[in-house]
PDB file of N, CA and C in Angstrom:
ATOM      1  N   UNK A   1      82.417 119.776 125.944  1.00  0.00           N
ATOM      2  CA  UNK A   1      83.121 119.161 125.739  1.00  0.00           C
ATOM      3  C   UNK A   1      84.029 120.118 125.113  1.00  0.00           C
ATOM      4  N   UNK A   2      85.888 119.459 125.527  1.00  0.00           N
ATOM      5  CA  UNK A   2      86.974 120.193 125.397  1.00  0.00           C
ATOM      6  C   UNK A   2      87.442 120.581 124.096  1.00  0.00           C
ATOM      7  N   UNK A   3      88.752 121.463 123.798  1.00  0.00           N
ATOM      8  CA  UNK A   3      89.130 121.001 122.604  1.00  0.00           C
ATOM      9  C   UNK A   3      89.408 119.732 121.735  1.00  0.00           C
ATOM     10  N   UNK A   4      89.772 118.681 122.358  1.00  0.00           N
ATOM     11  CA  UNK A   4      90.495 117.574 121.845  1.00  0.00           C
ATOM     12  C   UNK A   4      89.353 116.829 120.965  1.00  0.00           C
ATOM     13  N   UNK A   5      88.362 116.860 121.324  1.00  0.00           N
ATOM     14  CA  UNK A   5      87.286 116.496 120.040  1.00  0.00           C
ATOM     15  C   UNK A   5      86.851 116.750 118.720  1.00  0.00           C
ATOM     16  N   UNK A   6      87.991 117.753 118.673  1.00  0.00           N
ATOM     17  CA  UNK A   6      88.321 117.726 117.136  1.00  0.00           C
ATOM     18  C   UNK A   6      89.317 116.355 116.567  1.00  0.00           C
ATOM     19  N   UNK A   7      90.731 116.801 117.189  1.00  0.00           N
ATOM     20  CA  UNK A   7      92.117 115.591 117.322  1.00  0.00           C
ATOM     21  C   UNK A   7      91.543 114.362 116.969  1.00  0.00           C
ATOM     22  N   UNK A   8      90.182 114.370 118.111  1.00  0.00           N
ATOM     23  CA  UNK A   8      89.831 112.553 118.452  1.00  0.00           C
ATOM     24  C   UNK A   8      88.788 112.018 116.963  1.00  0.00           C
ATOM     25  N   UNK A   9      88.233 112.928 116.583  1.00  0.00           N
ATOM     26  CA  UNK A   9      87.315 112.536 115.271  1.00  0.00           C
ATOM     27  C   UNK A   9      87.681 113.193 114.485  1.00  0.00           C
ATOM     28  N   UNK A  10      89.042 113.560 113.964  1.00  0.00           N
ATOM     29  CA  UNK A  10      89.943 114.142 112.562  1.00  0.00           C
ATOM     30  C   UNK A  10      89.503 112.766 111.691  1.00  0.00           C
ATOM     31  N   UNK A  11      89.380 113.132 110.658  1.00  0.00           N
ATOM     32  CA  UNK A  11      89.759 112.473 109.221  1.00  0.00           C
ATOM     33  C   UNK A  11      89.782 111.037 109.262  1.00  0.00           C
ATOM     34  N   UNK A  12      89.238 109.698 108.964  1.00  0.00           N
ATOM     35  CA  UNK A  12      90.218 108.548 109.320  1.00  0.00           C
ATOM     36  C   UNK A  12      89.936 107.438 107.931  1.00  0.00           C
ATOM     37  N   UNK A  13      90.238 106.498 107.567  1.00  0.00           N
ATOM     38  CA  UNK A  13      89.694 105.634 106.619  1.00  0.00           C
ATOM     39  C   UNK A  13      89.832 104.580 106.874  1.00  0.00           C
ATOM     40  N   UNK A  14      89.292 103.246 105.975  1.00  0.00           N
ATOM     41  CA  UNK A  14      89.620 102.202 106.467  1.00  0.00           C
ATOM     42  C   UNK A  14      89.671 101.085 105.711  1.00  0.00           C
ATOM     43  N   UNK A  15      91.132  99.841 106.097  1.00  0.00           N
ATOM     44  CA  UNK A  15      91.811  99.748 104.528  1.00  0.00           C
ATOM     45  C   UNK A  15      91.312  97.724 104.489  1.00  0.00           C
ATOM     46  N   UNK A  16      90.539  97.737 103.810  1.00  0.00           N
ATOM     47  CA  UNK A  16      90.731  96.092 104.086  1.00  0.00           C
ATOM     48  C   UNK A  16      91.107  95.335 103.061  1.00  0.00           C
ATOM     49  N   UNK A  17      92.436  94.159 103.291  1.00  0.00           N
ATOM     50  CA  UNK A  17      93.379  93.714 102.524  1.00  0.00           C
ATOM     51  C   UNK A  17      92.214  92.901 102.067  1.00  0.00           C
ATOM     52  N   UNK A  18      92.789  92.620 100.581  1.00  0.00           N
ATOM     53  CA  UNK A  18      92.509  91.589  98.997  1.00  0.00           C
ATOM     54  C   UNK A  18      93.687  90.157  99.295  1.00  0.00           C
ATOM     55  N   UNK A  19      94.196  90.716  99.618  1.00  0.00           N
ATOM     56  CA  UNK A  19      95.851  89.643  99.972  1.00  0.00           C
ATOM     57  C   UNK A  19      96.863  89.333 100.665  1.00  0.00           C
ATOM     58  N   UNK A  20      97.197  89.085 101.113  1.00  0.00           N
ATOM     59  CA  UNK A  20      97.857  88.765 102.105  1.00  0.00           C
ATOM     60  C   UNK A  20      99.171  89.466 101.627  1.00  0.00           C
ATOM     61  N   UNK A  21      99.754  90.330 102.831  1.00  0.00           N
ATOM     62  CA  UNK A  21     100.461  91.426 102.862  1.00  0.00           C
ATOM     63  C   UNK A  21     100.421  92.528 102.233  1.00  0.00           C
ATOM     64  N   UNK A  22      99.288  93.192 102.845  1.00  0.00           N
ATOM     65  CA  UNK A  22      99.218  94.624 102.416  1.00  0.00           C
ATOM     66  C   UNK A  22     100.139  95.469 103.345  1.00  0.00           C
ATOM     67  N   UNK A  23     100.686  96.469 102.696  1.00  0.00           N
ATOM     68  CA  UNK A  23     101.096  97.101 104.021  1.00  0.00           C
ATOM     69  C   UNK A  23     100.803  98.500 104.006  1.00  0.00           C
ATOM     70  N   UNK A  24     100.724  99.277 105.320  1.00  0.00           N
ATOM     71  CA  UNK A  24     100.127 100.565 105.173  1.00  0.00           C
ATOM     72  C   UNK A  24     101.288 101.460 105.823  1.00  0.00           C
ATOM     73  N   UNK A  25     101.593 102.286 105.639  1.00  0.00           N
ATOM     74  CA  UNK A  25     102.588 102.937 106.260  1.00  0.00           C
ATOM     75  C   UNK A  25     102.378 104.305 106.276  1.00  0.00           C
ATOM     76  N   UNK A  26     102.450 105.271 107.605  1.00  0.00           N
ATOM     77  CA  UNK A  26     101.926 106.701 108.027  1.00  0.00           C
ATOM     78  C   UNK A  26     103.092 106.897 107.821  1.00  0.00           C
ATOM     79  N   UNK A  27     102.781 108.459 107.327  1.00  0.00           N
ATOM     80  CA  UNK A  27     103.499 109.076 107.107  1.00  0.00           C
ATOM     81  C   UNK A  27     103.970 110.170 108.140  1.00  0.00           C
ATOM     82  N   UNK A  28     104.632 111.060 108.735  1.00  0.00           N
ATOM     83  CA  UNK A  28     104.151 112.559 109.406  1.00  0.00           C
ATOM     84  C   UNK A  28     104.049 113.595 108.523  1.00  0.00           C
ATOM     85  N   UNK A  29     103.647 115.093 110.110  1.00  0.00           N
ATOM     86  CA  UNK A  29     103.801 115.875 108.922  1.00  0.00           C
ATOM     87  C   UNK A  29     105.018 117.163 109.410  1.00  0.00           C
ATOM     88  N   UNK A  30     105.170 117.928 108.708  1.00  0.00           N
ATOM     89  CA  UNK A  30     106.288 118.961 109.176  1.00  0.00           C
ATOM     90  C   UNK A  30     106.969 118.341 108.024  1.00  0.00           C
ATOM     91  N   UNK A  31     108.706 119.378 108.500  1.00  0.00           N
ATOM     92  CA  UNK A  31     108.894 119.794 107.662  1.00  0.00           C
ATOM     93  C   UNK A  31     109.432 119.320 106.297  1.00  0.00           C
ATOM     94  N   UNK A  32     110.110 117.799 107.154  1.00  0.00           N
ATOM     95  CA  UNK A  32     110.682 116.217 106.912  1.00  0.00           C
ATOM     96  C   UNK A  32     109.090 115.257 106.612  1.00  0.00           C
ATOM     97  N   UNK A  33     109.045 114.984 105.604  1.00  0.00           N
ATOM     98  CA  UNK A  33     108.071 113.901 105.823  1.00  0.00           C
ATOM     99  C   UNK A  33     108.756 112.444 105.991  1.00  0.00           C
ATOM    100  N   UNK A  34     108.356 111.771 107.180  1.00  0.00           N
ATOM    101  CA  UNK A  34     108.944 110.448 107.246  1.00  0.00           C
ATOM    102  C   UNK A  34     108.380 109.221 107.972  1.00  0.00           C
ATOM    103  N   UNK A  35     108.392 108.408 107.246  1.00  0.00           N
ATOM    104  CA  UNK A  35     107.302 107.204 108.168  1.00  0.00           C
ATOM    105  C   UNK A  35     107.699 106.967 108.931  1.00  0.00           C
ATOM    106  N   UNK A  36     106.446 106.420 110.367  1.00  0.00           N
ATOM    107  CA  UNK A  36     106.370 107.088 111.575  1.00  0.00           C
ATOM    108  C   UNK A  36     105.628 105.409 111.850  1.00  0.00           C
ATOM    109  N   UNK A  37     105.064 105.037 111.491  1.00  0.00           N
ATOM    110  CA  UNK A  37     104.103 103.916 111.709  1.00  0.00           C
ATOM    111  C   UNK A  37     104.219 103.195 110.354  1.00  0.00           C
ATOM    112  N   UNK A  38     104.495 101.472 110.231  1.00  0.00           N
ATOM    113  CA  UNK A  38     103.778 100.422 109.555  1.00  0.00           C
ATOM    114  C   UNK A  38     103.197  99.519 109.799  1.00  0.00           C
ATOM    115  N   UNK A  39     102.436  98.755 109.262  1.00  0.00           N
ATOM    116  CA  UNK A  39     101.561  97.357 109.490  1.00  0.00           C
ATOM    117  C   UNK A  39     101.334  96.453 107.880  1.00  0.00           C
ATOM    118  N   UNK A  40     101.312  95.279 108.559  1.00  0.00           N
ATOM    119  CA  UNK A  40     101.691  94.422 107.609  1.00  0.00           C
ATOM    120  C   UNK A  40      99.411  93.476 107.468  1.00  0.00           C
ATOM    121  N   UNK A  41      99.424  93.637 106.424  1.00  0.00           N
ATOM    122  CA  UNK A  41      98.127  92.664 106.838  1.00  0.00           C
ATOM    123  C   UNK A  41      97.395  91.328 105.558  1.00  0.00           C
ATOM    124  N   UNK A  42      96.911  90.803 106.241  1.00  0.00           N
ATOM    125  CA  UNK A  42      96.677  89.217 105.953  1.00  0.00           C
ATOM    126  C   UNK A  42      95.183  89.840 105.132  1.00  0.00           C
ATOM    127  N   UNK A  43      95.232  88.493 103.977  1.00  0.00           N
ATOM    128  CA  UNK A  43      93.316  88.409 103.569  1.00  0.00           C
ATOM    129  C   UNK A  43      92.531  88.592 103.984  1.00  0.00           C
ATOM    130  N   UNK A  44      91.141  89.554 104.573  1.00  0.00           N
ATOM    131  CA  UNK A  44      89.856  89.686 104.937  1.00  0.00           C
ATOM    132  C   UNK A  44      90.217  90.391 106.494  1.00  0.00           C
ATOM    133  N   UNK A  45      91.401  90.962 106.577  1.00  0.00           N
ATOM    134  CA  UNK A  45      92.300  92.238 107.374  1.00  0.00           C
ATOM    135  C   UNK A  45      91.337  93.278 107.409  1.00  0.00           C
ATOM    136  N   UNK A  46      91.448  94.175 108.158  1.00  0.00           N
ATOM    137  CA  UNK A  46      90.802  95.380 108.087  1.00  0.00           C
ATOM    138  C   UNK A  46      91.804  96.111 109.222  1.00  0.00           C
ATOM    139  N   UNK A  47      92.802  97.564 108.882  1.00  0.00           N
ATOM    140  CA  UNK A  47      92.624  98.641 109.261  1.00  0.00           C
ATOM    141  C   UNK A  47      91.813  99.651 109.403  1.00  0.00           C
ATOM    142  N   UNK A  48      92.058 100.514 110.248  1.00  0.00           N
ATOM    143  CA  UNK A  48      91.372 101.585 111.246  1.00  0.00           C
ATOM    144  C   UNK A  48      91.655 102.766 111.535  1.00  0.00           C
ATOM    145  N   UNK A  49      92.907 103.688 110.146  1.00  0.00           N
ATOM    146  CA  UNK A  49      93.525 104.802 110.526  1.00  0.00           C
ATOM    147  C   UNK A  49      93.401 105.960 110.218  1.00  0.00           C
ATOM    148  N   UNK A  50      93.509 107.006 111.526  1.00  0.00           N
ATOM    149  CA  UNK A  50      92.574 108.282 111.586  1.00  0.00           C
ATOM    150  C   UNK A  50      94.567 109.016 111.169  1.00  0.00           C
ATOM    151  N   UNK A  51      93.795 110.177 110.352  1.00  0.00           N
ATOM    152  CA  UNK A  51      95.103 111.240 110.002  1.00  0.00           C
ATOM    153  C   UNK A  51      94.788 111.754 111.405  1.00  0.00           C
ATOM    154  N   UNK A  52      96.615 112.458 111.673  1.00  0.00           N
ATOM    155  CA  UNK A  52      96.027 113.211 113.309  1.00  0.00           C
ATOM    156  C   UNK A  52      96.937 114.690 113.258  1.00  0.00           C
ATOM    157  N   UNK A  53      97.281 114.475 114.253  1.00  0.00           N
ATOM    158  CA  UNK A  53      98.126 116.158 114.474  1.00  0.00           C
ATOM    159  C   UNK A  53      99.698 115.449 114.138  1.00  0.00           C
ATOM    160  N   UNK A  54      99.375 114.940 113.745  1.00  0.00           N
ATOM    161  CA  UNK A  54     100.978 113.890 113.761  1.00  0.00           C
ATOM    162  C   UNK A  54     101.030 113.264 111.981  1.00  0.00           C
ATOM    163  N   UNK A  55     100.131 112.800 112.013  1.00  0.00           N
ATOM    164  CA  UNK A  55      99.898 111.856 110.215  1.00  0.00           C
ATOM    165  C   UNK A  55      99.402 112.186 108.969  1.00  0.00           C
ATOM    166  N   UNK A  56     100.258 112.507 108.405  1.00  0.00           N
ATOM    167  CA  UNK A  56      99.140 113.822 107.111  1.00  0.00           C
ATOM    168  C   UNK A  56      99.186 112.962 106.089  1.00  0.00           C
ATOM    169  N   UNK A  57      99.751 111.806 105.884  1.00  0.00           N
ATOM    170  CA  UNK A  57      99.545 110.894 104.463  1.00  0.00           C
ATOM    171  C   UNK A  57      99.944 108.734 105.694  1.00  0.00           C
ATOM    172  N   UNK A  58      99.014 108.860 104.290  1.00  0.00           N
ATOM    173  CA  UNK A  58      98.611 107.111 104.736  1.00  0.00           C
ATOM    174  C   UNK A  58      99.413 106.293 103.157  1.00  0.00           C
ATOM    175  N   UNK A  59     100.249 105.688 103.098  1.00  0.00           N
ATOM    176  CA  UNK A  59     100.487 104.589 102.403  1.00  0.00           C
ATOM    177  C   UNK A  59     100.465 103.232 101.939  1.00  0.00           C
ATOM    178  N   UNK A  60      99.303 103.344 101.432  1.00  0.00           N
ATOM    179  CA  UNK A  60      98.928 101.496 101.068  1.00  0.00           C
ATOM    180  C   UNK A  60      99.202 100.256  99.482  1.00  0.00           C
ATOM    181  N   UNK A  61     100.402  99.627 100.151  1.00  0.00           N
ATOM    182  CA  UNK A  61     100.838  98.811  99.113  1.00  0.00           C
ATOM    183  C   UNK A  61      99.979  97.504  99.375  1.00  0.00           C
ATOM    184  N   UNK A  62      99.469  97.140  98.190  1.00  0.00           N
ATOM    185  CA  UNK A  62      98.879  95.948  97.670  1.00  0.00           C
ATOM    186  C   UNK A  62      97.916  95.613  97.319  1.00  0.00           C
ATOM    187  N   UNK A  63      97.267  94.623  97.237  1.00  0.00           N
ATOM    188  CA  UNK A  63      96.011  94.956  96.994  1.00  0.00           C
ATOM    189  C   UNK A  63      94.641  94.719  97.941  1.00  0.00           C
ATOM    190  N   UNK A  64      94.052  95.708  97.883  1.00  0.00           N
ATOM    191  CA  UNK A  64      93.184  96.457  98.983  1.00  0.00           C
ATOM    192  C   UNK A  64      92.098  97.649  98.377  1.00  0.00           C
ATOM    193  N   UNK A  65      91.002  96.854  99.199  1.00  0.00           N
ATOM    194  CA  UNK A  65      89.936  98.148  99.237  1.00  0.00           C
ATOM    195  C   UNK A  65      90.308  99.429  99.897  1.00  0.00           C
ATOM    196  N   UNK A  66      89.748 100.337  99.472  1.00  0.00           N
ATOM    197  CA  UNK A  66      90.558 101.857 101.051  1.00  0.00           C
ATOM    198  C   UNK A  66      88.975 102.272 101.283  1.00  0.00           C
ATOM    199  N   UNK A  67      88.286 102.394 102.046  1.00  0.00           N
ATOM    200  CA  UNK A  67      87.125 103.056 102.489  1.00  0.00           C
ATOM    201  C   UNK A  67      87.579 104.487 102.894  1.00  0.00           C
ATOM    202  N   UNK A  68      86.887 106.025 102.630  1.00  0.00           N
ATOM    203  CA  UNK A  68      86.798 106.989 103.843  1.00  0.00           C
ATOM    204  C   UNK A  68      85.629 107.667 102.953  1.00  0.00           C
ATOM    205  N   UNK A  69      85.654 108.838 103.359  1.00  0.00           N
ATOM    206  CA  UNK A  69      84.629 109.781 103.039  1.00  0.00           C
ATOM    207  C   UNK A  69      84.628 110.169 101.476  1.00  0.00           C
ATOM    208  N   UNK A  70      85.746 110.200 101.173  1.00  0.00           N
ATOM    209  CA  UNK A  70      85.323 109.921  99.322  1.00  0.00           C
ATOM    210  C   UNK A  70      84.712 109.424  98.977  1.00  0.00           C
ATOM    211  N   UNK A  71      84.770 108.280  99.442  1.00  0.00           N
ATOM    212  CA  UNK A  71      83.829 106.760  98.520  1.00  0.00           C
ATOM    213  C   UNK A  71      85.106 105.815  98.951  1.00  0.00           C
ATOM    214  N   UNK A  72      85.421 104.586  97.726  1.00  0.00           N
ATOM    215  CA  UNK A  72      85.625 103.585  98.061  1.00  0.00           C
ATOM    216  C   UNK A  72      86.515 103.333  96.737  1.00  0.00           C
ATOM    217  N   UNK A  73      87.964 102.732  96.998  1.00  0.00           N
ATOM    218  CA  UNK A  73      88.988 102.964  96.067  1.00  0.00           C
ATOM    219  C   UNK A  73      89.664 100.940  96.215  1.00  0.00           C
ATOM    220  N   UNK A  74      89.722 100.734  95.154  1.00  0.00           N
ATOM    221  CA  UNK A  74      90.220  99.652  95.065  1.00  0.00           C
ATOM    222  C   UNK A  74      91.674  99.527  94.781  1.00  0.00           C
ATOM    223  N   UNK A  75      92.876  99.494  95.041  1.00  0.00           N
ATOM    224  CA  UNK A  75      94.152  99.516  94.999  1.00  0.00           C
ATOM    225  C   UNK A  75      95.127  98.068  94.180  1.00  0.00           C
ATOM    226  N   UNK A  76      95.608  98.356  93.433  1.00  0.00           N
ATOM    227  CA  UNK A  76      96.558  96.694  93.871  1.00  0.00           C
ATOM    228  C   UNK A  76      95.968  96.183  92.640  1.00  0.00           C
ATOM    229  N   UNK A  77      97.273  95.218  92.099  1.00  0.00           N
ATOM    230  CA  UNK A  77      96.980  94.560  90.233  1.00  0.00           C
ATOM    231  C   UNK A  77      95.422  93.818  90.119  1.00  0.00           C
ATOM    232  N   UNK A  78      94.451  94.564  88.946  1.00  0.00           N
ATOM    233  CA  UNK A  78      93.502  93.929  89.007  1.00  0.00           C
ATOM    234  C   UNK A  78      92.805  92.548  87.907  1.00  0.00           C
TER     235      UNK A  78
END
């Protein structure tokens, strides 16, 4: 295997929307953090996002469940 394996198998999260209009925003690494990607999910849709050399943070807005190596997190109005 080459050195790209760690980049390809980096940490990831799964976001499952519990309502229409859940927003997912990817944020860049570096000196200035900027938005670089957005997605909008409808109820029941899932999105898999990976932390990469360009993505340092992922912001999720709306009612959703986030699955990651640290556990399961439910967000949004209860």
